[in-house]
């Protein structure tokens, strides 16, 4: 039986950790890249992290086009689809990222199904679970919940993840295939190279002292190593098919995130945020700044997530958020990003 896994978006923060876990677990990995010029960079990062890169290969395939997907999926036993557009600046149109995210997911999933893949694992997000709903402070968000893409606070990235996941489930169901979705909260943890994503950029901004005060909002946080482990476990876990696994080690506020950085890296304690902005000021800013507008529905409210299925079916034991925060802060220093 083939042990080959097609991993899309192989240069991403989560994807590199998934690739490392796959290689460590004995799989062969075929990673897709929009530009093969990045292949040496990803190869070097995985080799430095201890991955057996003799079982690693790369192919060119872009979410925005059909070319390359059939060849990429040929002979693969599994698909792990992590690729998704996540621009630093969100478009004003909340549906602006949907065509690339949804159609790209359908390209990857369709190619895997036609190639006879045994199982598909899709990287979704908790923003496909809780966005766009009115105040539900006591609600425990679970795999049964879906974001309301037309509701308040639904932003372009969250809408794209919701629509892409829904489309993938529909395509797999229509083809009689097997799929698992992985829905992580804010992903922190160690970097494998100097490439940073949005989550690392937030931590780096705090460490540079450009965020002395922050809105009173809270997020679920999960370590990228636990996210990688979940993807690999989902490939073969007996009862995993049909589930959406929410991943979170706990909820922390932006102020608590800053405090975690300060504990891990005391030299930065005077740079991290130490004050919460008044909610009224955040609401006023939201009237003119679209990126702030998405935070308003979450002001002063934490979130509770049902992670029991990930623990019981995938066998996860989540690292606490403080470990993920510390690991990211230390790696940002290690790679001299801050």
Protein backbone atom coordinates (compact mmCIF):
# COMPACT_ATOMS: atom_id res chain seq x y z
CA UNK A 1 0.00 0.00 0.00
CA UNK A 2 1.25 3.47 -0.88
CA UNK A 3 2.56 5.61 1.96
CA UNK A 4 2.59 8.78 -0.15
CA UNK A 5 0.84 11.90 1.18
CA UNK A 6 0.04 14.90 -1.02
CA UNK A 7 0.54 18.00 1.14
CA UNK A 8 -0.70 21.27 -0.37
CA UNK A 9 0.85 24.63 0.44
CA UNK A 10 4.01 22.96 1.70
CA UNK A 11 5.83 26.24 2.46
CA UNK A 12 3.28 27.38 5.07
CA UNK A 13 3.85 27.56 8.83
CA UNK A 14 1.43 24.74 9.65
CA UNK A 15 2.32 22.76 6.53
CA UNK A 16 6.02 22.58 7.33
CA UNK A 17 5.24 21.16 10.76
CA UNK A 18 2.81 18.68 9.21
CA UNK A 19 5.50 17.65 6.72
CA UNK A 20 7.99 17.14 9.54
CA UNK A 21 5.53 14.99 11.51
CA UNK A 22 4.67 12.97 8.41
CA UNK A 23 8.33 12.31 7.63
CA UNK A 24 9.02 11.37 11.26
CA UNK A 25 6.04 8.98 11.14
CA UNK A 26 7.46 7.19 8.09
CA UNK A 27 5.36 8.66 5.30
CA UNK A 28 6.59 9.92 1.95
CA UNK A 29 5.57 13.50 1.28
CA UNK A 30 4.84 15.25 -2.00
CA UNK A 31 4.44 18.94 -1.31
CA UNK A 32 2.79 21.43 -3.64
CA UNK A 33 4.23 24.90 -4.11
CA UNK A 34 3.07 27.82 -6.22
CA UNK A 35 6.70 28.49 -7.06
CA UNK A 36 9.29 25.71 -7.05
CA UNK A 37 11.96 28.30 -6.25
CA UNK A 38 10.81 27.85 -2.64
CA UNK A 39 11.60 24.13 -2.61
CA UNK A 40 15.22 24.50 -1.46
CA UNK A 41 14.10 26.74 1.39
CA UNK A 42 11.48 24.26 2.64
CA UNK A 43 13.83 21.32 2.18
CA UNK A 44 16.52 23.05 4.25
CA UNK A 45 14.10 23.91 7.07
CA UNK A 46 12.84 20.34 7.34
CA UNK A 47 16.35 18.90 7.16
CA UNK A 48 17.52 21.25 9.91
CA UNK A 49 14.54 20.15 12.04
CA UNK A 50 15.53 16.49 11.68
CA UNK A 51 13.23 15.40 8.88
CA UNK A 52 14.25 12.56 6.55
CA UNK A 53 14.13 14.60 3.37
CA UNK A 54 15.04 11.61 1.19
CA UNK A 55 11.28 10.90 1.28
CA UNK A 56 10.32 14.46 0.33
CA UNK A 57 9.52 15.82 -3.13
CA UNK A 58 7.89 18.94 -4.52
CA UNK A 59 5.56 19.68 -7.43
CA UNK A 60 4.13 22.92 -8.77
CA UNK A 61 0.39 23.42 -8.33
CA UNK A 62 -1.53 26.64 -7.75
CA UNK A 63 -4.94 26.96 -6.09
CA UNK A 64 -5.90 29.41 -8.82
CA UNK A 65 -5.45 27.05 -11.79
CA UNK A 66 -6.05 23.45 -12.91
CA UNK A 67 -2.53 22.77 -14.13
CA UNK A 68 -0.50 20.23 -12.20
CA UNK A 69 -3.15 18.85 -9.85
CA UNK A 70 -3.69 15.50 -11.60
CA UNK A 71 0.05 14.78 -11.62
CA UNK A 72 0.38 15.98 -8.03
CA UNK A 73 -2.28 13.56 -6.80
CA UNK A 74 -1.17 10.55 -8.84
CA UNK A 75 -0.35 7.58 -6.61
CA UNK A 76 -1.14 9.38 -3.36
CA UNK A 77 -2.81 7.43 -0.58
CA UNK A 78 -3.80 10.57 1.34
CA UNK A 79 -4.36 14.28 0.78
CA UNK A 80 -3.60 16.87 3.46
CA UNK A 81 -4.93 20.17 2.16
CA UNK A 82 -3.44 23.09 4.12
CA UNK A 83 -3.13 25.70 1.36
CA UNK A 84 -5.43 28.72 1.68
CA UNK A 85 -5.15 32.45 0.93
CA UNK A 86 -4.42 34.54 4.05
CA UNK A 87 -3.32 38.05 3.02
CA UNK A 88 -1.88 40.43 5.60
CA UNK A 89 -4.56 42.97 4.65
CA UNK A 90 -8.12 41.68 4.46
CA UNK A 91 -10.14 42.75 1.39
CA UNK A 92 -13.16 44.97 2.02
CA UNK A 93 -15.45 42.47 0.32
CA UNK A 94 -15.97 39.67 2.84
CA UNK A 95 -16.43 37.24 -0.05
CA UNK A 96 -13.28 38.46 -1.81
CA UNK A 97 -11.13 35.45 -0.87
CA UNK A 98 -13.81 32.83 -1.47
CA UNK A 99 -13.13 32.04 -5.17
CA UNK A 100 -9.47 31.13 -4.59
CA UNK A 101 -10.04 29.31 -1.29
CA UNK A 102 -13.15 27.38 -2.36
CA UNK A 103 -12.09 26.61 -5.91
CA UNK A 104 -8.59 25.73 -4.77
CA UNK A 105 -9.97 23.30 -2.20
CA UNK A 106 -12.17 21.73 -4.86
CA UNK A 107 -9.20 21.38 -7.22
CA UNK A 108 -7.09 19.61 -4.61
CA UNK A 109 -9.94 17.47 -3.27
CA UNK A 110 -11.18 16.60 -6.75
CA UNK A 111 -7.73 15.53 -7.90
CA UNK A 112 -7.29 13.36 -4.81
CA UNK A 113 -10.69 11.72 -5.25
CA UNK A 114 -10.04 10.98 -8.91
CA UNK A 115 -6.67 9.49 -7.97
CA UNK A 116 -8.36 7.16 -5.50
CA UNK A 117 -7.06 8.71 -2.30
CA UNK A 118 -8.08 6.75 0.78
CA UNK A 119 -8.73 9.78 2.99
CA UNK A 120 -8.63 13.57 2.83
CA UNK A 121 -7.65 15.78 5.77
CA UNK A 122 -8.60 19.43 5.31
CA UNK A 123 -7.07 22.27 7.32
CA UNK A 124 -9.96 24.53 8.21
CA UNK A 125 -10.16 26.89 11.21
CA UNK A 126 -12.27 27.82 14.21
CA UNK A 127 -13.29 30.89 12.20
CA UNK A 128 -15.40 28.44 10.18
CA UNK A 129 -17.18 27.61 13.45
CA UNK A 130 -18.06 30.74 15.46
CA UNK A 131 -18.06 33.89 13.29
CA UNK A 132 -21.11 35.97 12.52
CA UNK A 133 -23.30 35.05 15.48
CA UNK A 134 -24.88 37.34 18.05
CA UNK A 135 -23.60 37.33 21.64
CA UNK A 136 -23.33 33.75 22.86
CA UNK A 137 -20.90 34.14 25.73
CA UNK A 138 -21.93 30.89 27.47
CA UNK A 139 -22.01 28.80 24.33
CA UNK A 140 -19.49 25.96 23.93
CA UNK A 141 -18.52 25.92 20.27
CA UNK A 142 -18.38 22.43 18.77
CA UNK A 143 -18.06 20.71 15.41
CA UNK A 144 -21.81 21.07 14.95
CA UNK A 145 -21.49 24.86 14.70
CA UNK A 146 -20.88 26.76 11.48
CA UNK A 147 -20.02 30.40 10.98
CA UNK A 148 -22.72 32.70 9.63
CA UNK A 149 -20.96 34.30 6.68
CA UNK A 150 -23.57 37.06 6.49
CA UNK A 151 -23.46 37.87 10.20
CA UNK A 152 -21.72 40.65 12.16
CA UNK A 153 -17.95 40.35 12.41
CA UNK A 154 -17.63 37.79 9.61
CA UNK A 155 -14.39 38.80 7.88
CA UNK A 156 -12.97 37.78 4.51
CA UNK A 157 -10.58 35.12 5.81
CA UNK A 158 -13.25 33.51 8.00
CA UNK A 159 -15.80 33.54 5.20
CA UNK A 160 -13.29 31.95 2.81
CA UNK A 161 -12.47 29.16 5.29
CA UNK A 162 -16.16 28.50 5.91
CA UNK A 163 -17.10 28.37 2.25
CA UNK A 164 -14.06 26.26 1.32
CA UNK A 165 -14.76 23.71 4.05
CA UNK A 166 -18.44 23.45 3.17
CA UNK A 167 -17.60 22.96 -0.52
CA UNK A 168 -15.05 20.25 0.29
CA UNK A 169 -17.51 18.32 2.47
CA UNK A 170 -20.10 18.46 -0.30
CA UNK A 171 -17.66 17.27 -2.96
CA UNK A 172 -16.39 14.38 -0.85
CA UNK A 173 -19.89 13.31 0.13
CA UNK A 174 -21.03 13.37 -3.50
CA UNK A 175 -18.08 11.17 -4.50
CA UNK A 176 -18.51 8.74 -1.62
CA UNK A 177 -15.07 9.61 -0.24
CA UNK A 178 -13.73 9.95 3.30
CA UNK A 179 -12.77 13.29 4.83
CA UNK A 180 -11.73 14.81 8.14
CA UNK A 181 -11.55 18.54 8.92
CA UNK A 182 -9.10 20.04 11.39
CA UNK A 183 -10.23 23.38 12.85
CA UNK A 184 -7.42 24.99 14.88
CA UNK A 185 -7.68 28.16 16.91
CA UNK A 186 -4.88 30.77 16.71
CA UNK A 187 -1.78 28.72 15.89
CA UNK A 188 1.42 29.64 17.70
CA UNK A 189 4.57 27.67 18.48
CA UNK A 190 8.09 27.30 17.11
CA UNK A 191 9.05 28.55 13.65
CA UNK A 192 11.13 26.23 11.49
CA UNK A 193 12.69 29.05 9.46
CA UNK A 194 12.52 32.81 8.99
CA UNK A 195 9.20 32.71 7.11
CA UNK A 196 6.49 34.19 9.31
CA UNK A 197 2.75 34.01 8.93
CA UNK A 198 0.04 36.22 10.36
CA UNK A 199 0.14 34.72 13.87
CA UNK A 200 3.92 35.11 14.12
CA UNK A 201 3.66 38.66 12.82
CA UNK A 202 1.31 39.56 15.70
CA UNK A 203 3.77 38.18 18.27
CA UNK A 204 6.66 39.96 16.52
CA UNK A 205 4.78 43.28 16.57
CA UNK A 206 4.25 42.89 20.30
CA UNK A 207 7.95 42.15 20.81
CA UNK A 208 8.91 45.23 18.79
CA UNK A 209 6.86 47.45 21.07
CA UNK A 210 4.45 48.75 18.45
CA UNK A 211 1.37 47.57 20.36
CA UNK A 212 1.51 49.23 23.81
CA UNK A 213 -2.25 48.77 24.24
CA UNK A 214 -4.59 46.19 22.72
CA UNK A 215 -8.34 45.57 22.46
CA UNK A 216 -9.92 43.46 25.21
CA UNK A 217 -10.41 40.40 23.01
CA UNK A 218 -9.55 36.75 23.61
CA UNK A 219 -8.66 33.87 21.31
CA UNK A 220 -8.25 30.14 21.54
CA UNK A 221 -4.56 29.25 21.14
CA UNK A 222 -3.07 25.95 19.99
CA UNK A 223 0.53 24.87 19.54
CA UNK A 224 1.50 24.16 15.93
CA UNK A 225 3.08 20.87 17.01
CA UNK A 226 -0.31 19.71 18.28
CA UNK A 227 -1.90 20.86 15.04
CA UNK A 228 0.60 18.79 13.05
CA UNK A 229 0.02 15.77 15.26
CA UNK A 230 -3.73 16.09 14.74
CA UNK A 231 -3.35 16.06 10.95
CA UNK A 232 -1.19 12.94 10.98
CA UNK A 233 -3.43 11.12 13.46
CA UNK A 234 -6.50 12.01 11.37
CA UNK A 235 -5.10 10.12 8.38
CA UNK A 236 -5.67 6.73 9.98
CA UNK A 237 -7.70 7.16 13.20
CA UNK A 238 -10.55 4.66 12.96
CA UNK A 239 -13.42 6.92 14.04
CA UNK A 240 -12.14 10.20 12.62
CA UNK A 241 -13.97 10.23 9.26
CA UNK A 242 -16.81 12.73 9.12
CA UNK A 243 -15.60 14.79 12.08
CA UNK A 244 -14.51 18.42 12.38
CA UNK A 245 -11.85 18.49 15.10
CA UNK A 246 -11.58 21.77 17.02
CA UNK A 247 -8.05 22.32 18.33
CA UNK A 248 -7.35 24.66 21.25
CA UNK A 249 -5.17 24.41 24.32
CA UNK A 250 -7.09 27.21 26.05
CA UNK A 251 -8.32 30.76 25.59
CA UNK A 252 -6.14 33.78 26.35
CA UNK A 253 -6.57 37.53 25.89
CA UNK A 254 -4.18 39.70 23.91
CA UNK A 255 -2.91 41.08 27.21
CA UNK A 256 -2.24 37.54 28.44
CA UNK A 257 -0.45 36.82 25.18
CA UNK A 258 1.84 39.79 25.85
CA UNK A 259 2.42 38.63 29.43
CA UNK A 260 3.38 35.18 28.15
CA UNK A 261 5.95 36.73 25.83
CA UNK A 262 7.39 38.74 28.74
CA UNK A 263 7.74 35.62 30.91
CA UNK A 264 9.47 33.71 28.13
CA UNK A 265 11.69 36.60 27.04
CA UNK A 266 12.13 39.02 30.00
CA UNK A 267 14.20 41.42 27.89
CA UNK A 268 10.98 42.32 26.04
CA UNK A 269 8.77 42.88 29.08
CA UNK A 270 8.71 46.66 28.60
CA UNK A 271 7.76 46.34 24.93
CA UNK A 272 4.75 44.02 25.09
CA UNK A 273 1.21 45.37 25.59
CA UNK A 274 0.41 46.29 29.18
CA UNK A 275 -2.94 48.07 28.80
CA UNK A 276 -6.34 47.20 27.35
CA UNK A 277 -7.99 49.79 25.15
CA UNK A 278 -11.43 50.95 26.31
CA UNK A 279 -14.17 49.15 24.39
CA UNK A 280 -15.72 52.50 23.42
CA UNK A 281 -12.48 53.58 21.77
CA UNK A 282 -12.24 50.32 19.82
CA UNK A 283 -15.83 50.72 18.62
CA UNK A 284 -15.11 54.28 17.52
CA UNK A 285 -12.02 53.15 15.61
CA UNK A 286 -14.04 50.39 13.98
CA UNK A 287 -16.18 53.00 12.28
CA UNK A 288 -13.24 54.01 10.09
CA UNK A 289 -10.83 51.03 10.20
CA UNK A 290 -12.21 47.82 8.62
CA UNK A 291 -9.64 45.54 10.30
CA UNK A 292 -10.74 46.78 13.74
CA UNK A 293 -14.40 46.29 12.87
CA UNK A 294 -13.99 42.51 12.93
CA UNK A 295 -12.94 42.64 16.61
CA UNK A 296 -16.01 44.45 17.91
CA UNK A 297 -18.29 41.38 18.32
CA UNK A 298 -15.64 39.73 20.52
CA UNK A 299 -14.90 42.63 22.87
CA UNK A 300 -14.86 41.43 26.47
CA UNK A 301 -15.97 37.92 25.57
CA UNK A 302 -13.92 34.74 25.72
CA UNK A 303 -14.79 31.58 23.85
CA UNK A 304 -15.23 28.02 24.99
CA UNK A 305 -14.44 25.19 22.58
CA UNK A 306 -15.31 21.50 22.69
CA UNK A 307 -11.96 19.78 22.11
CA UNK A 308 -13.00 16.41 23.57
CA UNK A 309 -13.29 14.67 20.16
CA UNK A 310 -9.70 15.61 19.30
CA UNK A 311 -8.57 14.25 22.64
CA UNK A 312 -10.55 10.99 22.55
CA UNK A 313 -10.47 10.11 18.84
CA UNK A 314 -7.10 11.58 17.79
CA UNK A 315 -5.40 10.98 21.14
CA UNK A 316 -4.22 14.59 21.55
CA UNK A 317 -3.00 16.10 24.79
CA UNK A 318 -2.84 19.82 24.19
CA UNK A 319 0.12 21.88 25.28
CA UNK A 320 -0.94 24.92 27.33
CA UNK A 321 -1.05 28.24 25.43
CA UNK A 322 1.91 29.54 27.45
CA UNK A 323 4.14 26.86 25.95
CA UNK A 324 3.10 27.80 22.42
CA UNK A 325 3.58 31.51 23.15
CA UNK A 326 7.04 30.95 24.63
CA UNK A 327 8.14 28.72 21.76
CA UNK A 328 7.13 31.30 19.16
CA UNK A 329 8.78 34.18 21.02
CA UNK A 330 12.02 32.24 21.42
CA UNK A 331 12.11 31.21 17.76
CA UNK A 332 11.49 34.79 16.64
CA UNK A 333 14.64 35.71 18.58
CA UNK A 334 16.52 32.66 17.37
CA UNK A 335 15.95 33.59 13.72
CA UNK A 336 16.68 37.26 14.51
CA UNK A 337 13.27 38.37 13.32
CA UNK A 338 12.93 40.64 16.34
